[in-house]
Amino acid sequence: MFRIRSIALFLTPALLLLGAGLALAQPARPDDPIARLLGAAGDKLPTAPPKPVPAPKPPGPSLGAAPSGQPPVVMSARIGEHETSTRLVIELSDPVNLRAFTLANPDRVVLDMPEVDWRLGAPPVPNARGMIRSYRYGLFREGNSRMVIDLNRPVSVSDALVLPPSSGFGYRVVIDMFPASRDKFDANAGWPADLKLRESEAERLAMAGPGQPGGKKILVIDPGHGGLDSGTNGVNGLVEKDLVLAEALRLSKMLKARGYTVYLTRDRDIFVPLPERVALGRKWHADLMISLHADSNPDPDVNGLSIYTLSDGRSDREAAALARRENQSDVIAGVDLSGGNTPIAPILIDLAQRDTINKSSRFAEAALDRLGKATDLLARSPHRSASLAVLVAPDVPAVLIELGYLSNDADAAQMNTDRWRAGLAQAIADSVDRNFGAATRTAGGASPDPAAKFPP
């Protein structure tokens, strides 16, 4: 018998390692039709959602943007589970050109589409016994959204079928998944050629073009995660990708006020692949790259800020575990890693340029003095080294700062306050000043008031 569970797609609270399950980052809205449908077990799909649906637009010559110029709205999603198949139905306000394909190691189904506005609630975790283990969704690139479905077993995927509006529903995209052999799945897995070309071109553009050389020191601030990769989910509901973006915007404003040239690898909720983050640092000829993250630990008592530089081959178990989590970002977003088009491997070989690592380490050691006055430091070895992909540029000194532990009640609570965020941003900015010297600042530039209001 066909069994239906109506759910909404959800964001990962942490990087998926070893098949870890997901919690949800966003609360259900009181008027959310998906939350209501969850309680209505039945043997068939509902005939209509229990709230008004935006009037569907007739398909035009270009699918993927509403006639108003606004992106199409994803209003609901449903999963139908059967012994021999699984059906995914996505409801939208406007038709889109949606493509489904598979990637292996780990096994995933990727739904690639033009940019859409996701308006979904917060359902429970999918049934781990079915074909689907978990989902996540979000903005993958400018103008390009993506949903990534993690699988419990190999599948074959049907072409997407678009149904016109009827019975109170908007446009519906229907995709069926069927069990498949490992050999068949592996043979069919991989990016479509045109999408592969699009990604290669995006990476090439990220590498191309000079930065802005001049008298000012150049800082690149890299807010970790983003888009469909939410990072760690805090015990208080604070989401890592949102926290680090807010702190990056605040820090950027402070550093610009002090006379630095500052770039951000992302300035909104969008995914940026790890190799492109590295490429942007090199393209902009950064004198220093600072990557911002927030950590988690199975032990809820572990707390405090830590700062990482690239490992020269030595790494303790905890640092190695963090590297595995952070380096999984591209897997989470459905990036094809099989083509060998990442610059990481050759860059790692070229890391005989020890001067870059030494500069990074000098900044980290000096920064801890200022950072320790603004927040608690990790009790054991707050300066650590790990093989983190975002730090591998051979000619860009780089550090990764874990602002604290979202798995710790005290850390998560203070990271959610404006006072703490302003104080820590000033401590990082003061560390940059100390590293480069006051001469890099503009004449008459003054340190911002730590209590001043910056972008949230």
Foldseek 3Di string as FASTA:
>chain_A
DKWKAWFAAAFAQAFQDPLDAGAHQAAFDPQQQNVVCRVPTDRDDDLAGPDADPAADPDDPAFAADPVRHGKEFRTWIWMDDPFKIKIKIFISYGWDWWWAWAVPPTKIKIKTFDYHYDHHGDDFDDCPGQFRHKFWFAADHGMIMMMTGTPAAWDKDGWDWDPDDSRTHIMTMMMIGHDDPVVRVVRHDDDPVVVVVVLVVLVVLQDAAADDDLFAEEEEEEAFFTSHFHRQFPVSDTWSVLSLQLSQLLQVQLVLFQHHYHYPDNHRYGDQLLSLLSNCVRNLHQEYEYETAAADPPQVFKFKAKEAADPPDADPVQAVVQVRRNCSCVSRPHHPPPPPRPQVVLNVVLVLVVLRVLLVVLRVLLCVLQVVLIGHGPPHRYGHHNHSNNRHNRHRYMYMHGMHSSHPVSVVLSPDLLSSLSNSLSSSVSVCVSVDSVSGDPPRDRDDSNDDTRD
